[in-house]
Every structure is written in structure tokens, then in C-alpha cells.
Amino acid sequence: MKVYLDLAVLLNFLVDFLLLMGANRLCGYPMAPGRAAAAAALGGIYAGVCLIPSFRFMGNLFWRLVSLAVMAAVAFGRNRSALRRGVLFVFLSMALGGIALGLGTGGFASLAAAAGGVCLLCVVGFRGKAGGRAYVTVKITSGGKTRVLTALRDTGNTLRDPMTGQAVLVAGADVAWDLFGLTREELKTPIETITAGRVPGLRLIPYRAVGQPGGMLLAVRVEGVVIDGQKAGDLVAFAPQILDGGKTYQALAGGVL
């Protein structure tokens, strides 16, 4: 049986691309097609290299694990959620293998269609929320600086500016430090921080949380907030702590969506 190297590379690229995007959505993250394409390209090249007689040794378990780790780092980043999404990607790949076995065919079109079906199931069937949480990509631009971060889509977050009714994005203390040099101590004492006048443009946003007394958050208008590619206002409030302990998300998006 002849194996065409270019077709093998293309097939692996398409399959990996669809499964990587499906893994993202199944965990509640944006599909990130750019990163998924870069990781899938590496997977396609690896599959092609394994077909070259001099490099067939790279098809063993060790090199397969190395390739999967590199693909996960490229597609999902280097955070704690990357491991979970990487493991899910492996399981989706195994599920695709089972589907192909059940269909009794390993043709180019059938495998690509099956991968597309798995991806569609992750996006539509589970609505990207099988993990119980949904995340969005947020870009905050202020003073020429742009911070790209992950926000938890929190439908219970209805924080709004009491003067204008505009929805407010809530970011963690680490974001406040990166963009404005605000310390956690300053965020904990918002009135004193505004009075000191070290950072211009600060204002107060009242908030209430379940099981906690109400209070005030420091907030500031920025040049723009973009959520999943769409402009979502320009007002950001800062919590006095690092959200989620710096593990998965750095902001809360609810009313801004």
C-alpha cells in the first residue's frame, strides 16, 4: 500500500486542528483557531517525519508523548488548564479512532469528516460547557499597553456603573499592578488611594457579594475592553486579590457580555 507523505501530513493537520478546537470548547474556552492551527501544523509535520524510514523510531511512545506535550503547550499555553485540555485532546483522539474503527474505513475524507463531527459535538452538543465553566479571551488596552487575559464568564456578575448603567469588567489585583502599578494594599483602601491621587482617573464602584458585606472597588476607564473580538465597554474594576489564585482566569466577565 502506498502512503503519500503530503496527504498524511494534511490529514493529521486537519484532524488535530479540529480536535484541538473541540477540546478548547468542551472545556469552555474559546476555540483559538490560530493557536490550534500552529499546534496542528506541528502534529502534521511530526506524523510526516515518522513516515520517513530514517526517522520511524520517532513513532515510539516516548516521542509521541513529547509531540503531544509540545502541541498542548502551543495550543493551550503553559498554565494549569493546559494539562486538562491536553488530556481531553488525547481522549478525543482515541474517540475518533473508535469512530473510524466502527466505520471500518480509514480514508482521508471519512477521517476528516469524523473529526469534524467530534468537533461539532463539542461545540453544539455540549455547548462548550461540559466542564461546568466557560471562559472568554479579554484584551484590555490602556496607555498604549495591552493585556491579554482569560476571564470566567460569570452570569451572576451584574456589576454596573451606578451613574451610567454601563457593565463593568472585574479584573484581579495582578492586572491592576501590570496596567497601573496599583498594589493590593491600595486596592484594599480605595478611598485613601483616590485621595492620594497617585493614579489619575480612578473612581469608585459599589458592589455587593453573596454572604459578604457590600463595599467599594477601584475602577478606571481604559481605551477599550475587547471580549472574544467584540468591543465590550471601557470600564474596568479591580478586586483586591488575585482571582482564582492566578491559576486559570484573571478576570470576571458577566454583565459586559
C-alpha atoms as a PDB file:
ATOM      1  CA  MET A   1       0.000   0.000   0.000  1.00  0.00           C
ATOM      2  CA  LYS A   2       1.349   3.414  -0.970  1.00  0.00           C
ATOM      3  CA  VAL A   3       1.424   6.144   1.636  1.00  0.00           C
ATOM      4  CA  TYR A   4       1.632   9.674   0.285  1.00  0.00           C
ATOM      5  CA  LEU A   5       3.611  11.892   2.644  1.00  0.00           C
ATOM      6  CA  ASP A   6       1.833  15.128   1.738  1.00  0.00           C
ATOM      7  CA  LEU A   7      -1.609  13.586   2.243  1.00  0.00           C
ATOM      8  CA  ALA A   8      -0.559  12.090   5.577  1.00  0.00           C
ATOM      9  CA  VAL A   9       0.674  15.490   6.790  1.00  0.00           C
ATOM     10  CA  LEU A  10      -2.501  17.229   5.604  1.00  0.00           C
ATOM     11  CA  LEU A  11      -4.801  14.615   7.134  1.00  0.00           C
ATOM     12  CA  ASN A  12      -3.068  14.782  10.509  1.00  0.00           C
ATOM     13  CA  PHE A  13      -3.162  18.577  10.397  1.00  0.00           C
ATOM     14  CA  LEU A  14      -6.913  18.641   9.736  1.00  0.00           C
ATOM     15  CA  VAL A  15      -7.708  16.035  12.367  1.00  0.00           C
ATOM     16  CA  ASP A  16      -5.509  17.625  15.056  1.00  0.00           C
ATOM     17  CA  PHE A  17      -6.840  21.099  14.242  1.00  0.00           C
ATOM     18  CA  LEU A  18     -10.463  20.050  14.663  1.00  0.00           C
ATOM     19  CA  LEU A  19      -9.821  18.035  17.818  1.00  0.00           C
ATOM     20  CA  LEU A  20      -7.763  20.817  19.442  1.00  0.00           C
ATOM     21  CA  MET A  21     -10.563  23.320  18.860  1.00  0.00           C
ATOM     22  CA  GLY A  22     -13.078  20.795  20.158  1.00  0.00           C
ATOM     23  CA  ALA A  23     -11.026  20.264  23.334  1.00  0.00           C
ATOM     24  CA  ASN A  24     -10.978  24.016  23.931  1.00  0.00           C
ATOM     25  CA  ARG A  25     -14.723  24.377  23.558  1.00  0.00           C
ATOM     26  CA  LEU A  26     -15.503  21.282  25.607  1.00  0.00           C
ATOM     27  CA  CYS A  27     -13.549  22.856  28.491  1.00  0.00           C
ATOM     28  CA  GLY A  28     -15.382  26.142  27.983  1.00  0.00           C
ATOM     29  CA  TYR A  29     -12.534  28.068  26.346  1.00  0.00           C
ATOM     30  CA  PRO A  30     -12.608  29.970  23.040  1.00  0.00           C
ATOM     31  CA  MET A  31     -11.609  27.697  20.143  1.00  0.00           C
ATOM     32  CA  ALA A  32      -8.480  29.800  19.373  1.00  0.00           C
ATOM     33  CA  PRO A  33      -8.107  28.687  15.724  1.00  0.00           C
ATOM     34  CA  GLY A  34      -4.738  30.440  15.307  1.00  0.00           C
ATOM     35  CA  ARG A  35      -3.049  28.556  18.125  1.00  0.00           C
ATOM     36  CA  ALA A  36      -4.844  25.342  17.195  1.00  0.00           C
ATOM     37  CA  ALA A  37      -3.577  25.662  13.610  1.00  0.00           C
ATOM     38  CA  ALA A  38       0.014  26.200  14.772  1.00  0.00           C
ATOM     39  CA  ALA A  39      -0.138  23.150  17.053  1.00  0.00           C
ATOM     40  CA  ALA A  40      -1.842  21.052  14.365  1.00  0.00           C
ATOM     41  CA  ALA A  41       0.879  22.015  11.877  1.00  0.00           C
ATOM     42  CA  LEU A  42       3.479  20.653  14.289  1.00  0.00           C
ATOM     43  CA  GLY A  43       1.415  17.479  14.654  1.00  0.00           C
ATOM     44  CA  GLY A  44       1.166  17.086  10.894  1.00  0.00           C
ATOM     45  CA  ILE A  45       4.916  17.564  10.447  1.00  0.00           C
ATOM     46  CA  TYR A  46       5.609  15.050  13.213  1.00  0.00           C
ATOM     47  CA  ALA A  47       3.350  12.491  11.540  1.00  0.00           C
ATOM     48  CA  GLY A  48       5.133  13.048   8.225  1.00  0.00           C
ATOM     49  CA  VAL A  49       8.571  12.690   9.802  1.00  0.00           C
ATOM     50  CA  CYS A  50       7.542   9.365  11.347  1.00  0.00           C
ATOM     51  CA  LEU A  51       6.886   8.020   7.842  1.00  0.00           C
ATOM     52  CA  ILE A  52      10.451   8.686   6.700  1.00  0.00           C
ATOM     53  CA  PRO A  53      12.401   5.422   7.039  1.00  0.00           C
ATOM     54  CA  SER A  54      15.339   7.038   8.864  1.00  0.00           C
ATOM     55  CA  PHE A  55      13.023   8.595  11.461  1.00  0.00           C
ATOM     56  CA  ARG A  56      10.498   5.849  12.080  1.00  0.00           C
ATOM     57  CA  PHE A  57      11.892   5.425  15.583  1.00  0.00           C
ATOM     58  CA  MET A  58      10.117   8.700  16.455  1.00  0.00           C
ATOM     59  CA  GLY A  59       6.833   6.843  16.284  1.00  0.00           C
ATOM     60  CA  ASN A  60       7.509   5.152  19.631  1.00  0.00           C
ATOM     61  CA  LEU A  61       5.657   6.054  22.830  1.00  0.00           C
ATOM     62  CA  PHE A  62       8.282   8.486  24.150  1.00  0.00           C
ATOM     63  CA  TRP A  63       8.325  10.695  21.069  1.00  0.00           C
ATOM     64  CA  ARG A  64       4.542  10.527  20.783  1.00  0.00           C
ATOM     65  CA  LEU A  65       4.264  11.901  24.325  1.00  0.00           C
ATOM     66  CA  VAL A  66       6.827  14.600  23.537  1.00  0.00           C
ATOM     67  CA  SER A  67       4.890  15.658  20.446  1.00  0.00           C
ATOM     68  CA  LEU A  68       1.622  15.775  22.392  1.00  0.00           C
ATOM     69  CA  ALA A  69       3.225  17.890  25.129  1.00  0.00           C
ATOM     70  CA  VAL A  70       4.586  20.374  22.576  1.00  0.00           C
ATOM     71  CA  MET A  71       1.250  20.556  20.778  1.00  0.00           C
ATOM     72  CA  ALA A  72      -0.584  21.167  24.057  1.00  0.00           C
ATOM     73  CA  ALA A  73       1.838  23.955  25.008  1.00  0.00           C
ATOM     74  CA  VAL A  74       1.365  25.656  21.637  1.00  0.00           C
ATOM     75  CA  ALA A  75      -2.418  25.230  21.512  1.00  0.00           C
ATOM     76  CA  PHE A  76      -3.324  25.796  25.166  1.00  0.00           C
ATOM     77  CA  GLY A  77      -0.432  27.763  26.635  1.00  0.00           C
ATOM     78  CA  ARG A  78       1.570  26.970  29.720  1.00  0.00           C
ATOM     79  CA  ASN A  79      -0.928  27.123  32.544  1.00  0.00           C
ATOM     80  CA  ARG A  80      -2.661  24.649  34.791  1.00  0.00           C
ATOM     81  CA  SER A  81      -5.589  24.229  32.445  1.00  0.00           C
ATOM     82  CA  ALA A  82      -3.296  23.156  29.596  1.00  0.00           C
ATOM     83  CA  LEU A  83      -2.804  19.696  31.122  1.00  0.00           C
ATOM     84  CA  ARG A  84      -6.557  19.147  31.442  1.00  0.00           C
ATOM     85  CA  ARG A  85      -7.198  20.244  27.863  1.00  0.00           C
ATOM     86  CA  GLY A  86      -4.231  18.205  26.638  1.00  0.00           C
ATOM     87  CA  VAL A  87      -5.583  15.057  28.285  1.00  0.00           C
ATOM     88  CA  LEU A  88      -9.004  15.774  26.799  1.00  0.00           C
ATOM     89  CA  PHE A  89      -7.385  16.158  23.365  1.00  0.00           C
ATOM     90  CA  VAL A  90      -5.888  12.677  23.753  1.00  0.00           C
ATOM     91  CA  PHE A  91      -9.273  11.235  24.739  1.00  0.00           C
ATOM     92  CA  LEU A  92     -10.949  12.893  21.760  1.00  0.00           C
ATOM     93  CA  SER A  93      -8.271  11.394  19.528  1.00  0.00           C
ATOM     94  CA  MET A  94      -8.994   7.965  20.988  1.00  0.00           C
ATOM     95  CA  ALA A  95     -12.725   8.547  20.452  1.00  0.00           C
ATOM     96  CA  LEU A  96     -12.038   9.435  16.837  1.00  0.00           C
ATOM     97  CA  GLY A  97     -10.062   6.212  16.456  1.00  0.00           C
ATOM     98  CA  GLY A  98     -13.033   4.274  17.791  1.00  0.00           C
ATOM     99  CA  ILE A  99     -15.378   6.025  15.357  1.00  0.00           C
ATOM    100  CA  ALA A 100     -13.065   5.266  12.431  1.00  0.00           C
ATOM    101  CA  LEU A 101     -12.848   1.630  13.546  1.00  0.00           C
ATOM    102  CA  GLY A 102     -16.608   1.410  13.779  1.00  0.00           C
ATOM    103  CA  LEU A 103     -17.000   2.852  10.297  1.00  0.00           C
ATOM    104  CA  GLY A 104     -14.499   0.321   9.037  1.00  0.00           C
ATOM    105  CA  THR A 105     -12.623   2.879   6.949  1.00  0.00           C
ATOM    106  CA  GLY A 106      -9.529   4.986   7.278  1.00  0.00           C
ATOM    107  CA  GLY A 107      -9.913   7.097   4.172  1.00  0.00           C
ATOM    108  CA  PHE A 108      -8.949  10.744   4.035  1.00  0.00           C
ATOM    109  CA  ALA A 109     -12.478  12.105   3.663  1.00  0.00           C
ATOM    110  CA  SER A 110     -14.034   9.806   6.269  1.00  0.00           C
ATOM    111  CA  LEU A 111     -11.435  10.594   8.940  1.00  0.00           C
ATOM    112  CA  ALA A 112     -11.658  14.343   8.313  1.00  0.00           C
ATOM    113  CA  ALA A 113     -15.466  14.175   8.441  1.00  0.00           C
ATOM    114  CA  ALA A 114     -15.383  12.133  11.645  1.00  0.00           C
ATOM    115  CA  ALA A 115     -13.012  14.682  13.250  1.00  0.00           C
ATOM    116  CA  GLY A 116     -15.340  17.455  12.161  1.00  0.00           C
ATOM    117  CA  GLY A 117     -18.241  15.582  13.727  1.00  0.00           C
ATOM    118  CA  VAL A 118     -16.376  15.257  17.049  1.00  0.00           C
ATOM    119  CA  CYS A 119     -15.571  18.984  16.990  1.00  0.00           C
ATOM    120  CA  LEU A 120     -19.175  19.861  16.168  1.00  0.00           C
ATOM    121  CA  LEU A 121     -20.397  17.682  19.018  1.00  0.00           C
ATOM    122  CA  CYS A 122     -18.104  19.541  21.439  1.00  0.00           C
ATOM    123  CA  VAL A 123     -19.293  22.937  20.228  1.00  0.00           C
ATOM    124  CA  VAL A 124     -23.010  22.332  19.702  1.00  0.00           C
ATOM    125  CA  GLY A 125     -23.887  19.175  21.605  1.00  0.00           C
ATOM    126  CA  PHE A 126     -22.235  20.217  24.877  1.00  0.00           C
ATOM    127  CA  ARG A 127     -22.356  23.977  24.115  1.00  0.00           C
ATOM    128  CA  GLY A 128     -18.779  24.264  25.304  1.00  0.00           C
ATOM    129  CA  LYS A 129     -19.754  23.806  28.938  1.00  0.00           C
ATOM    130  CA  ALA A 130     -19.120  20.182  29.763  1.00  0.00           C
ATOM    131  CA  GLY A 131     -16.530  21.292  32.297  1.00  0.00           C
ATOM    132  CA  GLY A 132     -19.096  23.405  34.172  1.00  0.00           C
ATOM    133  CA  ARG A 133     -17.368  26.710  33.378  1.00  0.00           C
ATOM    134  CA  ALA A 134     -16.985  28.900  30.331  1.00  0.00           C
ATOM    135  CA  TYR A 135     -14.069  31.226  29.643  1.00  0.00           C
ATOM    136  CA  VAL A 136     -13.534  34.112  27.239  1.00  0.00           C
ATOM    137  CA  THR A 137     -10.458  35.913  25.954  1.00  0.00           C
ATOM    138  CA  VAL A 138     -10.216  39.537  27.053  1.00  0.00           C
ATOM    139  CA  LYS A 139      -7.954  42.334  25.788  1.00  0.00           C
ATOM    140  CA  ILE A 140      -7.596  45.457  27.927  1.00  0.00           C
ATOM    141  CA  THR A 141      -5.845  48.436  26.337  1.00  0.00           C
ATOM    142  CA  SER A 142      -4.731  51.424  28.395  1.00  0.00           C
ATOM    143  CA  GLY A 143      -1.940  53.942  27.934  1.00  0.00           C
ATOM    144  CA  GLY A 144      -0.520  52.049  24.988  1.00  0.00           C
ATOM    145  CA  LYS A 145      -0.365  48.792  26.969  1.00  0.00           C
ATOM    146  CA  THR A 146      -2.478  45.787  26.008  1.00  0.00           C
ATOM    147  CA  ARG A 147      -3.005  42.947  28.449  1.00  0.00           C
ATOM    148  CA  VAL A 148      -4.484  39.713  27.092  1.00  0.00           C
ATOM    149  CA  LEU A 149      -6.075  37.541  29.754  1.00  0.00           C
ATOM    150  CA  THR A 150      -8.666  34.858  30.380  1.00  0.00           C
ATOM    151  CA  ALA A 151     -11.953  35.743  32.040  1.00  0.00           C
ATOM    152  CA  LEU A 152     -14.504  33.468  33.641  1.00  0.00           C
ATOM    153  CA  ARG A 153     -17.944  34.013  32.151  1.00  0.00           C
ATOM    154  CA  ASP A 154     -19.877  34.621  35.358  1.00  0.00           C
ATOM    155  CA  THR A 155     -23.590  35.104  34.684  1.00  0.00           C
ATOM    156  CA  GLY A 156     -24.002  36.147  38.318  1.00  0.00           C
ATOM    157  CA  ASN A 157     -21.710  39.129  37.804  1.00  0.00           C
ATOM    158  CA  THR A 158     -24.102  42.035  37.228  1.00  0.00           C
ATOM    159  CA  LEU A 159     -21.771  44.792  38.371  1.00  0.00           C
ATOM    160  CA  ARG A 160     -22.623  48.109  36.705  1.00  0.00           C
ATOM    161  CA  ASP A 161     -21.658  51.735  36.957  1.00  0.00           C
ATOM    162  CA  PRO A 162     -24.433  53.321  39.093  1.00  0.00           C
ATOM    163  CA  MET A 163     -24.115  56.611  37.174  1.00  0.00           C
ATOM    164  CA  THR A 164     -24.344  55.333  33.589  1.00  0.00           C
ATOM    165  CA  GLY A 165     -25.603  51.769  33.946  1.00  0.00           C
ATOM    166  CA  GLN A 166     -22.599  50.529  31.954  1.00  0.00           C
ATOM    167  CA  ALA A 167     -21.492  46.979  32.683  1.00  0.00           C
ATOM    168  CA  VAL A 168     -18.121  46.605  34.393  1.00  0.00           C
ATOM    169  CA  LEU A 169     -15.401  44.016  33.848  1.00  0.00           C
ATOM    170  CA  VAL A 170     -13.800  42.869  37.109  1.00  0.00           C
ATOM    171  CA  ALA A 171     -10.071  42.111  36.939  1.00  0.00           C
ATOM    172  CA  GLY A 172      -7.703  40.798  39.581  1.00  0.00           C
ATOM    173  CA  ALA A 173      -5.011  42.581  41.555  1.00  0.00           C
ATOM    174  CA  ASP A 174      -2.278  41.260  39.233  1.00  0.00           C
ATOM    175  CA  VAL A 175      -3.898  43.030  36.272  1.00  0.00           C
ATOM    176  CA  ALA A 176      -4.167  46.278  38.265  1.00  0.00           C
ATOM    177  CA  TRP A 177      -0.455  46.073  39.013  1.00  0.00           C
ATOM    178  CA  ASP A 178       0.544  45.341  35.416  1.00  0.00           C
ATOM    179  CA  LEU A 179      -1.519  48.162  33.904  1.00  0.00           C
ATOM    180  CA  PHE A 180      -1.482  50.873  36.570  1.00  0.00           C
ATOM    181  CA  GLY A 181       1.041  49.876  39.218  1.00  0.00           C
ATOM    182  CA  LEU A 182      -1.704  49.604  41.845  1.00  0.00           C
ATOM    183  CA  THR A 183      -0.723  47.458  44.823  1.00  0.00           C
ATOM    184  CA  ARG A 184      -3.046  45.124  46.702  1.00  0.00           C
ATOM    185  CA  GLU A 185      -2.820  47.440  49.723  1.00  0.00           C
ATOM    186  CA  GLU A 186      -4.058  50.346  47.582  1.00  0.00           C
ATOM    187  CA  LEU A 187      -6.911  48.242  46.209  1.00  0.00           C
ATOM    188  CA  LYS A 188      -7.966  47.350  49.759  1.00  0.00           C
ATOM    189  CA  THR A 189      -8.230  51.033  50.719  1.00  0.00           C
ATOM    190  CA  PRO A 190      -9.929  52.574  47.659  1.00  0.00           C
ATOM    191  CA  ILE A 191     -10.953  55.894  49.208  1.00  0.00           C
ATOM    192  CA  GLU A 192      -7.461  56.594  50.552  1.00  0.00           C
ATOM    193  CA  THR A 193      -5.950  55.602  47.188  1.00  0.00           C
ATOM    194  CA  ILE A 194      -8.157  58.042  45.275  1.00  0.00           C
ATOM    195  CA  THR A 195      -7.421  60.804  47.794  1.00  0.00           C
ATOM    196  CA  ALA A 196      -3.672  60.265  47.372  1.00  0.00           C
ATOM    197  CA  GLY A 197      -4.047  60.986  43.648  1.00  0.00           C
ATOM    198  CA  ARG A 198      -1.088  58.849  42.592  1.00  0.00           C
ATOM    199  CA  VAL A 199      -3.032  57.238  39.733  1.00  0.00           C
ATOM    200  CA  PRO A 200      -5.283  59.695  37.849  1.00  0.00           C
ATOM    201  CA  GLY A 201      -8.751  58.768  36.631  1.00  0.00           C
ATOM    202  CA  LEU A 202      -9.669  56.363  39.427  1.00  0.00           C
ATOM    203  CA  ARG A 203     -13.252  56.142  40.611  1.00  0.00           C
ATOM    204  CA  LEU A 204     -15.356  54.033  42.969  1.00  0.00           C
ATOM    205  CA  ILE A 205     -17.846  51.305  42.004  1.00  0.00           C
ATOM    206  CA  PRO A 206     -20.112  49.954  44.774  1.00  0.00           C
ATOM    207  CA  TYR A 207     -20.603  46.196  44.874  1.00  0.00           C
ATOM    208  CA  ARG A 208     -22.373  43.512  46.841  1.00  0.00           C
ATOM    209  CA  ALA A 209     -21.475  39.836  47.095  1.00  0.00           C
ATOM    210  CA  VAL A 210     -23.473  36.899  48.423  1.00  0.00           C
ATOM    211  CA  GLY A 211     -22.599  36.260  52.045  1.00  0.00           C
ATOM    212  CA  GLN A 212     -20.340  39.319  52.239  1.00  0.00           C
ATOM    213  CA  PRO A 213     -20.922  42.943  53.232  1.00  0.00           C
ATOM    214  CA  GLY A 214     -21.001  45.487  50.417  1.00  0.00           C
ATOM    215  CA  GLY A 215     -18.022  47.649  49.611  1.00  0.00           C
ATOM    216  CA  MET A 216     -16.242  49.717  47.002  1.00  0.00           C
ATOM    217  CA  LEU A 217     -13.953  48.674  44.153  1.00  0.00           C
ATOM    218  CA  LEU A 218     -11.441  50.922  42.457  1.00  0.00           C
ATOM    219  CA  ALA A 219     -12.263  51.325  38.768  1.00  0.00           C
ATOM    220  CA  VAL A 220     -10.855  53.221  35.802  1.00  0.00           C
ATOM    221  CA  ARG A 221     -11.841  53.916  32.217  1.00  0.00           C
ATOM    222  CA  VAL A 222      -9.461  52.378  29.715  1.00  0.00           C
ATOM    223  CA  GLU A 223      -9.035  52.815  25.993  1.00  0.00           C
ATOM    224  CA  GLY A 224     -11.030  49.683  25.347  1.00  0.00           C
ATOM    225  CA  VAL A 225     -12.124  46.249  26.505  1.00  0.00           C
ATOM    226  CA  VAL A 226     -12.458  43.583  23.811  1.00  0.00           C
ATOM    227  CA  ILE A 227     -14.062  40.237  24.650  1.00  0.00           C
ATOM    228  CA  ASP A 228     -13.771  37.447  22.098  1.00  0.00           C
ATOM    229  CA  GLY A 229     -13.074  40.007  19.376  1.00  0.00           C
ATOM    230  CA  GLN A 230     -16.007  42.308  20.221  1.00  0.00           C
ATOM    231  CA  LYS A 231     -15.781  45.680  21.957  1.00  0.00           C
ATOM    232  CA  ALA A 232     -17.355  45.491  25.417  1.00  0.00           C
ATOM    233  CA  GLY A 233     -17.160  48.932  27.002  1.00  0.00           C
ATOM    234  CA  ASP A 234     -14.255  50.687  28.638  1.00  0.00           C
ATOM    235  CA  LEU A 235     -14.753  50.422  32.403  1.00  0.00           C
ATOM    236  CA  VAL A 236     -12.664  48.004  34.492  1.00  0.00           C
ATOM    237  CA  ALA A 237     -12.886  47.489  38.247  1.00  0.00           C
ATOM    238  CA  PHE A 238     -10.167  45.764  40.270  1.00  0.00           C
ATOM    239  CA  ALA A 239     -10.610  43.208  43.020  1.00  0.00           C
ATOM    240  CA  PRO A 240      -8.100  43.469  45.896  1.00  0.00           C
ATOM    241  CA  GLN A 241      -6.994  39.864  45.384  1.00  0.00           C
ATOM    242  CA  ILE A 242      -5.658  37.716  42.558  1.00  0.00           C
ATOM    243  CA  LEU A 243      -8.669  35.937  41.106  1.00  0.00           C
ATOM    244  CA  ASP A 244      -8.597  32.139  41.075  1.00  0.00           C
ATOM    245  CA  GLY A 245      -5.204  32.300  42.742  1.00  0.00           C
ATOM    246  CA  GLY A 246      -3.637  33.001  39.354  1.00  0.00           C
ATOM    247  CA  LYS A 247      -4.463  29.504  38.111  1.00  0.00           C
ATOM    248  CA  THR A 248      -6.878  29.722  35.181  1.00  0.00           C
ATOM    249  CA  TYR A 249      -8.571  33.100  34.887  1.00  0.00           C
ATOM    250  CA  GLN A 250      -7.644  36.685  35.788  1.00  0.00           C
ATOM    251  CA  ALA A 251     -10.996  38.440  35.402  1.00  0.00           C
ATOM    252  CA  LEU A 252     -14.762  38.002  35.715  1.00  0.00           C
ATOM    253  CA  ALA A 253     -16.992  38.810  32.772  1.00  0.00           C
ATOM    254  CA  GLY A 254     -20.744  38.702  33.112  1.00  0.00           C
ATOM    255  CA  GLY A 255     -22.688  41.860  32.581  1.00  0.00           C
ATOM    256  CA  VAL A 256     -20.207  43.001  29.928  1.00  0.00           C
ATOM    257  CA  LEU A 257     -21.226  40.158  27.599  1.00  0.00           C
END
